[in-house]
N, C-alpha and C. Protein backbone atom coordinates (compact mmCIF):
# COMPACT_ATOMS: atom_id res chain seq x y z
N MET A 1 16.42 -61.55 -56.25
CA MET A 1 17.61 -60.79 -56.53
C MET A 1 18.07 -59.98 -55.33
N GLY A 2 17.18 -59.28 -54.66
CA GLY A 2 17.56 -58.53 -53.47
C GLY A 2 17.99 -57.11 -53.79
N ILE A 3 18.26 -56.37 -52.74
CA ILE A 3 18.67 -54.98 -52.86
C ILE A 3 20.14 -54.93 -53.29
N GLU A 4 20.44 -54.07 -54.24
CA GLU A 4 21.80 -53.96 -54.72
C GLU A 4 22.46 -52.64 -54.37
N SER A 5 21.67 -51.68 -53.89
CA SER A 5 22.24 -50.38 -53.54
C SER A 5 21.42 -49.73 -52.44
N TYR A 6 21.99 -48.68 -51.85
CA TYR A 6 21.34 -47.92 -50.79
C TYR A 6 21.22 -46.49 -51.31
N LEU A 7 20.02 -45.91 -51.27
CA LEU A 7 19.78 -44.59 -51.85
C LEU A 7 19.26 -43.62 -50.81
N LEU A 8 19.80 -42.41 -50.89
CA LEU A 8 19.39 -41.31 -50.02
C LEU A 8 19.22 -40.09 -50.89
N ARG A 9 18.14 -39.35 -50.68
CA ARG A 9 17.92 -38.10 -51.44
C ARG A 9 17.95 -36.93 -50.48
N LEU A 10 18.63 -35.87 -50.90
CA LEU A 10 18.71 -34.63 -50.15
C LEU A 10 18.09 -33.54 -50.99
N GLY A 11 17.40 -32.62 -50.36
CA GLY A 11 16.80 -31.53 -51.11
C GLY A 11 16.73 -30.27 -50.29
N GLY A 12 16.72 -29.14 -50.99
CA GLY A 12 16.60 -27.87 -50.31
C GLY A 12 16.67 -26.71 -51.27
N ASN A 13 16.50 -25.53 -50.73
CA ASN A 13 16.52 -24.30 -51.52
C ASN A 13 17.95 -23.78 -51.62
N HIS A 14 18.72 -24.38 -52.47
CA HIS A 14 20.10 -23.99 -52.63
C HIS A 14 20.51 -24.09 -54.08
N GLU A 15 21.49 -23.29 -54.47
CA GLU A 15 21.97 -23.34 -55.84
C GLU A 15 22.67 -24.65 -56.13
N THR A 16 22.30 -25.26 -57.22
CA THR A 16 22.91 -26.53 -57.62
C THR A 16 24.40 -26.37 -57.84
N GLU A 17 24.81 -25.26 -58.45
CA GLU A 17 26.23 -25.04 -58.73
C GLU A 17 27.07 -25.07 -57.47
N SER A 18 26.61 -24.44 -56.40
CA SER A 18 27.40 -24.41 -55.17
C SER A 18 27.50 -25.79 -54.53
N VAL A 19 26.45 -26.59 -54.63
CA VAL A 19 26.49 -27.95 -54.10
C VAL A 19 27.48 -28.78 -54.92
N SER A 20 27.40 -28.71 -56.24
CA SER A 20 28.33 -29.44 -57.11
C SER A 20 29.77 -29.00 -56.85
N ARG A 21 29.97 -27.73 -56.69
CA ARG A 21 31.32 -27.19 -56.44
C ARG A 21 31.87 -27.73 -55.12
N ASP A 22 31.05 -27.77 -54.08
CA ASP A 22 31.50 -28.29 -52.79
C ASP A 22 31.80 -29.78 -52.85
N LEU A 23 31.02 -30.53 -53.61
CA LEU A 23 31.28 -31.96 -53.75
C LEU A 23 32.70 -32.19 -54.26
N THR A 24 33.11 -31.40 -55.25
CA THR A 24 34.42 -31.60 -55.85
C THR A 24 35.54 -30.90 -55.09
N SER A 25 35.30 -29.69 -54.61
CA SER A 25 36.40 -28.95 -53.97
C SER A 25 36.65 -29.34 -52.52
N THR A 26 35.62 -29.74 -51.81
CA THR A 26 35.76 -30.02 -50.38
C THR A 26 35.63 -31.50 -50.03
N LEU A 27 34.71 -32.19 -50.66
CA LEU A 27 34.40 -33.56 -50.24
C LEU A 27 35.09 -34.64 -51.07
N GLY A 28 35.86 -34.27 -52.08
CA GLY A 28 36.67 -35.23 -52.81
C GLY A 28 35.97 -35.97 -53.94
N PHE A 29 34.79 -35.55 -54.33
CA PHE A 29 34.10 -36.16 -55.46
C PHE A 29 34.71 -35.63 -56.76
N LYS A 30 34.59 -36.40 -57.81
CA LYS A 30 35.05 -36.02 -59.15
C LYS A 30 33.86 -36.09 -60.09
N PRO A 31 33.86 -35.28 -61.15
CA PRO A 31 32.82 -35.46 -62.16
C PRO A 31 32.85 -36.89 -62.67
N ASP A 32 31.68 -37.49 -62.88
CA ASP A 32 31.60 -38.88 -63.30
C ASP A 32 31.46 -38.97 -64.81
N PRO A 33 32.54 -39.33 -65.50
CA PRO A 33 32.49 -39.38 -66.97
C PRO A 33 31.67 -40.55 -67.51
N ASP A 34 31.33 -41.50 -66.66
CA ASP A 34 30.56 -42.67 -67.11
C ASP A 34 29.06 -42.40 -67.19
N GLN A 35 28.62 -41.25 -66.67
CA GLN A 35 27.20 -40.93 -66.69
C GLN A 35 26.89 -40.00 -67.85
N TYR A 36 25.77 -40.21 -68.46
CA TYR A 36 25.34 -39.38 -69.58
C TYR A 36 24.94 -38.00 -69.05
N ALA A 37 25.58 -36.96 -69.56
CA ALA A 37 25.30 -35.60 -69.11
C ALA A 37 23.99 -35.11 -69.72
N MET A 38 23.06 -34.73 -68.87
CA MET A 38 21.79 -34.18 -69.32
C MET A 38 21.66 -32.78 -68.75
N THR A 39 20.98 -31.91 -69.46
CA THR A 39 20.76 -30.56 -68.99
C THR A 39 20.05 -30.60 -67.65
N GLY A 40 20.56 -29.86 -66.70
CA GLY A 40 19.94 -29.80 -65.38
C GLY A 40 20.45 -30.82 -64.39
N TYR A 41 21.36 -31.68 -64.81
CA TYR A 41 21.91 -32.72 -63.94
C TYR A 41 23.43 -32.70 -64.01
N SER A 42 24.05 -32.96 -62.88
CA SER A 42 25.49 -33.21 -62.89
C SER A 42 25.73 -34.48 -62.07
N TYR A 43 26.73 -35.22 -62.48
CA TYR A 43 27.02 -36.51 -61.85
C TYR A 43 28.44 -36.50 -61.29
N HIS A 44 28.59 -37.06 -60.11
CA HIS A 44 29.88 -37.09 -59.43
C HIS A 44 30.09 -38.48 -58.84
N VAL A 45 31.34 -38.81 -58.62
CA VAL A 45 31.66 -40.10 -58.01
C VAL A 45 32.82 -39.90 -57.05
N TYR A 46 32.76 -40.63 -55.94
CA TYR A 46 33.85 -40.64 -54.97
C TYR A 46 34.44 -42.04 -54.97
N ARG A 47 35.76 -42.10 -55.15
CA ARG A 47 36.49 -43.38 -55.09
C ARG A 47 37.75 -43.17 -54.28
N ASP A 48 37.96 -44.01 -53.29
CA ASP A 48 39.20 -43.91 -52.50
C ASP A 48 39.97 -45.23 -52.47
N GLY A 49 39.61 -46.15 -53.35
CA GLY A 49 40.26 -47.45 -53.37
C GLY A 49 39.54 -48.48 -52.52
N HIS A 50 38.67 -48.02 -51.63
CA HIS A 50 37.88 -48.91 -50.78
C HIS A 50 36.38 -48.69 -50.98
N HIS A 51 36.00 -47.44 -51.17
CA HIS A 51 34.58 -47.06 -51.25
C HIS A 51 34.29 -46.39 -52.58
N VAL A 52 33.04 -46.55 -53.03
CA VAL A 52 32.55 -45.83 -54.20
C VAL A 52 31.16 -45.31 -53.85
N ILE A 53 30.99 -44.00 -53.97
CA ILE A 53 29.69 -43.36 -53.77
C ILE A 53 29.38 -42.57 -55.04
N GLU A 54 28.19 -42.76 -55.57
CA GLU A 54 27.76 -42.01 -56.74
C GLU A 54 26.78 -40.92 -56.31
N CYS A 55 26.84 -39.80 -57.02
CA CYS A 55 26.01 -38.66 -56.66
C CYS A 55 25.42 -38.04 -57.92
N GLU A 56 24.14 -37.73 -57.85
CA GLU A 56 23.45 -37.01 -58.92
C GLU A 56 22.92 -35.72 -58.31
N VAL A 57 23.24 -34.59 -58.93
CA VAL A 57 22.72 -33.30 -58.48
C VAL A 57 21.76 -32.81 -59.56
N ALA A 58 20.49 -32.66 -59.20
CA ALA A 58 19.46 -32.24 -60.15
C ALA A 58 19.05 -30.81 -59.84
N ASP A 59 19.10 -29.98 -60.85
CA ASP A 59 18.73 -28.58 -60.71
C ASP A 59 17.25 -28.41 -61.00
N ARG A 60 16.49 -28.06 -59.99
CA ARG A 60 15.07 -27.76 -60.15
C ARG A 60 14.93 -26.24 -60.17
N SER A 61 13.83 -25.73 -60.63
CA SER A 61 13.69 -24.28 -60.80
C SER A 61 13.86 -23.51 -59.49
N THR A 62 13.43 -24.07 -58.38
CA THR A 62 13.52 -23.33 -57.11
C THR A 62 14.42 -24.00 -56.07
N HIS A 63 14.94 -25.17 -56.38
CA HIS A 63 15.75 -25.89 -55.40
C HIS A 63 16.57 -26.97 -56.09
N CYS A 64 17.42 -27.63 -55.33
CA CYS A 64 18.19 -28.72 -55.91
C CYS A 64 17.88 -30.02 -55.17
N HIS A 65 18.09 -31.12 -55.86
CA HIS A 65 17.98 -32.46 -55.29
C HIS A 65 19.32 -33.14 -55.45
N VAL A 66 19.78 -33.77 -54.40
CA VAL A 66 21.03 -34.52 -54.43
C VAL A 66 20.69 -35.96 -54.08
N SER A 67 21.05 -36.88 -54.96
CA SER A 67 20.86 -38.31 -54.70
C SER A 67 22.22 -38.94 -54.46
N LEU A 68 22.37 -39.62 -53.35
CA LEU A 68 23.61 -40.33 -53.02
C LEU A 68 23.30 -41.82 -53.02
N ARG A 69 24.19 -42.62 -53.62
CA ARG A 69 23.96 -44.05 -53.71
C ARG A 69 25.29 -44.77 -53.58
N PHE A 70 25.24 -45.93 -52.92
CA PHE A 70 26.41 -46.80 -52.92
C PHE A 70 25.95 -48.23 -53.11
N ALA A 71 26.79 -49.02 -53.75
CA ALA A 71 26.49 -50.44 -53.95
C ALA A 71 26.78 -51.19 -52.66
N LEU A 72 26.02 -52.21 -52.40
CA LEU A 72 26.17 -52.96 -51.15
C LEU A 72 27.44 -53.81 -51.13
N CYS A 73 28.16 -53.89 -52.24
CA CYS A 73 29.42 -54.64 -52.25
C CYS A 73 30.57 -53.83 -51.66
N ASN A 74 30.33 -52.58 -51.25
CA ASN A 74 31.34 -51.80 -50.55
C ASN A 74 31.63 -52.46 -49.20
N PRO A 75 32.81 -52.20 -48.61
CA PRO A 75 33.08 -52.75 -47.29
C PRO A 75 32.18 -52.09 -46.24
N PRO A 76 32.02 -52.71 -45.06
CA PRO A 76 31.15 -52.16 -44.01
C PRO A 76 31.51 -50.73 -43.59
N SER A 77 32.75 -50.32 -43.80
CA SER A 77 33.15 -48.96 -43.43
C SER A 77 32.44 -47.90 -44.28
N ILE A 78 31.75 -48.31 -45.34
CA ILE A 78 31.00 -47.36 -46.17
C ILE A 78 29.92 -46.67 -45.36
N ASP A 79 29.34 -47.35 -44.38
CA ASP A 79 28.25 -46.77 -43.59
C ASP A 79 28.63 -45.44 -42.97
N LYS A 80 29.71 -45.42 -42.24
CA LYS A 80 30.14 -44.18 -41.57
C LYS A 80 30.52 -43.12 -42.59
N PHE A 81 31.25 -43.50 -43.61
CA PHE A 81 31.67 -42.53 -44.61
C PHE A 81 30.47 -41.92 -45.32
N PHE A 82 29.52 -42.75 -45.73
CA PHE A 82 28.33 -42.29 -46.42
C PHE A 82 27.52 -41.33 -45.55
N ILE A 83 27.32 -41.70 -44.30
CA ILE A 83 26.56 -40.85 -43.37
C ILE A 83 27.29 -39.54 -43.13
N ASP A 84 28.61 -39.58 -43.01
CA ASP A 84 29.39 -38.35 -42.81
C ASP A 84 29.23 -37.40 -44.00
N VAL A 85 29.28 -37.93 -45.22
CA VAL A 85 29.10 -37.10 -46.41
C VAL A 85 27.70 -36.49 -46.42
N ALA A 86 26.69 -37.30 -46.17
CA ALA A 86 25.31 -36.81 -46.17
C ALA A 86 25.10 -35.76 -45.09
N ALA A 87 25.60 -36.02 -43.89
CA ALA A 87 25.45 -35.06 -42.78
C ALA A 87 26.16 -33.75 -43.08
N GLU A 88 27.32 -33.82 -43.71
CA GLU A 88 28.05 -32.61 -44.09
C GLU A 88 27.25 -31.78 -45.09
N LEU A 89 26.69 -32.43 -46.09
CA LEU A 89 25.86 -31.71 -47.06
C LEU A 89 24.60 -31.15 -46.42
N MET A 90 23.97 -31.92 -45.54
CA MET A 90 22.77 -31.44 -44.85
C MET A 90 23.08 -30.20 -44.03
N SER A 91 24.18 -30.23 -43.29
CA SER A 91 24.55 -29.10 -42.42
C SER A 91 24.97 -27.88 -43.24
N ARG A 92 25.82 -28.12 -44.21
CA ARG A 92 26.38 -27.01 -44.99
C ARG A 92 25.32 -26.28 -45.81
N PHE A 93 24.37 -27.02 -46.38
CA PHE A 93 23.38 -26.43 -47.29
C PHE A 93 21.96 -26.46 -46.75
N HIS A 94 21.78 -26.83 -45.49
CA HIS A 94 20.45 -26.88 -44.87
C HIS A 94 19.49 -27.73 -45.71
N LEU A 95 19.97 -28.92 -46.08
CA LEU A 95 19.18 -29.83 -46.90
C LEU A 95 18.38 -30.78 -46.02
N THR A 96 17.27 -31.24 -46.53
CA THR A 96 16.45 -32.25 -45.87
C THR A 96 16.76 -33.59 -46.52
N ALA A 97 16.98 -34.60 -45.70
CA ALA A 97 17.28 -35.94 -46.21
C ALA A 97 16.02 -36.79 -46.19
N VAL A 98 15.85 -37.56 -47.25
CA VAL A 98 14.78 -38.55 -47.34
C VAL A 98 15.45 -39.89 -47.54
N VAL A 99 15.31 -40.77 -46.57
CA VAL A 99 15.88 -42.11 -46.66
C VAL A 99 14.95 -42.94 -47.55
N CYS A 100 15.48 -43.44 -48.64
CA CYS A 100 14.67 -44.18 -49.62
C CYS A 100 14.78 -45.69 -49.41
N GLU A 101 15.01 -46.08 -48.21
CA GLU A 101 15.18 -47.50 -47.86
C GLU A 101 14.30 -47.82 -46.66
N HIS A 102 14.28 -49.09 -46.27
CA HIS A 102 13.49 -49.53 -45.12
C HIS A 102 14.03 -48.89 -43.84
N LEU A 103 13.14 -48.38 -43.02
CA LEU A 103 13.49 -47.75 -41.75
C LEU A 103 12.82 -48.49 -40.60
N PRO A 104 13.34 -48.29 -39.39
CA PRO A 104 12.68 -48.90 -38.22
C PRO A 104 11.22 -48.43 -38.13
N THR A 105 10.37 -49.23 -37.54
CA THR A 105 8.97 -48.88 -37.36
C THR A 105 8.87 -47.55 -36.63
N ASP A 106 7.98 -46.70 -37.10
CA ASP A 106 7.71 -45.37 -36.53
C ASP A 106 8.85 -44.38 -36.71
N ALA A 107 9.88 -44.70 -37.46
CA ALA A 107 10.96 -43.75 -37.72
C ALA A 107 10.52 -42.79 -38.82
N PRO A 108 10.86 -41.52 -38.69
CA PRO A 108 10.51 -40.58 -39.76
C PRO A 108 11.31 -40.91 -41.02
N THR A 109 10.76 -40.53 -42.17
CA THR A 109 11.49 -40.74 -43.42
C THR A 109 12.28 -39.51 -43.82
N GLN A 110 11.96 -38.34 -43.23
CA GLN A 110 12.65 -37.10 -43.55
C GLN A 110 13.37 -36.54 -42.34
N TYR A 111 14.56 -35.98 -42.60
CA TYR A 111 15.38 -35.42 -41.53
C TYR A 111 16.00 -34.12 -42.03
N ASP A 112 15.95 -33.09 -41.18
CA ASP A 112 16.65 -31.87 -41.55
C ASP A 112 17.94 -31.77 -40.74
N ALA A 113 18.68 -30.70 -40.95
CA ALA A 113 20.00 -30.56 -40.33
C ALA A 113 19.94 -30.55 -38.81
N SER A 114 18.79 -30.21 -38.23
CA SER A 114 18.68 -30.20 -36.77
C SER A 114 18.48 -31.61 -36.20
N ASN A 115 18.25 -32.59 -37.06
CA ASN A 115 18.02 -33.99 -36.63
C ASN A 115 19.14 -34.92 -37.08
N ILE A 116 20.36 -34.42 -37.14
CA ILE A 116 21.48 -35.21 -37.64
C ILE A 116 21.69 -36.48 -36.82
N LEU A 117 21.57 -36.40 -35.49
CA LEU A 117 21.79 -37.59 -34.66
C LEU A 117 20.74 -38.67 -34.93
N GLN A 118 19.49 -38.28 -35.04
CA GLN A 118 18.44 -39.24 -35.33
C GLN A 118 18.61 -39.79 -36.75
N PHE A 119 18.97 -38.90 -37.68
CA PHE A 119 19.24 -39.34 -39.05
C PHE A 119 20.35 -40.39 -39.08
N THR A 120 21.45 -40.12 -38.39
CA THR A 120 22.58 -41.04 -38.35
C THR A 120 22.17 -42.41 -37.81
N ALA A 121 21.40 -42.40 -36.72
CA ALA A 121 20.97 -43.66 -36.12
C ALA A 121 20.05 -44.45 -37.04
N ASN A 122 19.10 -43.76 -37.67
CA ASN A 122 18.11 -44.44 -38.51
C ASN A 122 18.61 -44.76 -39.90
N CYS A 123 19.59 -44.03 -40.36
CA CYS A 123 20.13 -44.26 -41.69
C CYS A 123 20.85 -45.61 -41.76
N LYS A 124 21.42 -46.03 -40.64
CA LYS A 124 22.14 -47.30 -40.60
C LYS A 124 21.16 -48.44 -40.63
């Protein structure tokens, strides 16, 4: 069957509400009505007619987790857009990114806001 999506998780000591608010007010995401709303989670989706990125924001007692995912059927321009969104969230909220996909040999799996350039290179 093969891989059908690309997943990235971001985490840090930040209020879930402020991350969710920024997704919608600044980054153009909308609440995702197709996802089942569960306590402690909010779901968002970005659609611009070319790209679709899904986002789950999970509220943990001391921190939040943000999962970003896109289907591989998006056009190749999704790479830059996806990385730009992730880098913006990492910088704005001092989040650490964990790439949940195959990485080059000896590449770290976690990146903080000070490693945006290495994250960008390895995320692709």
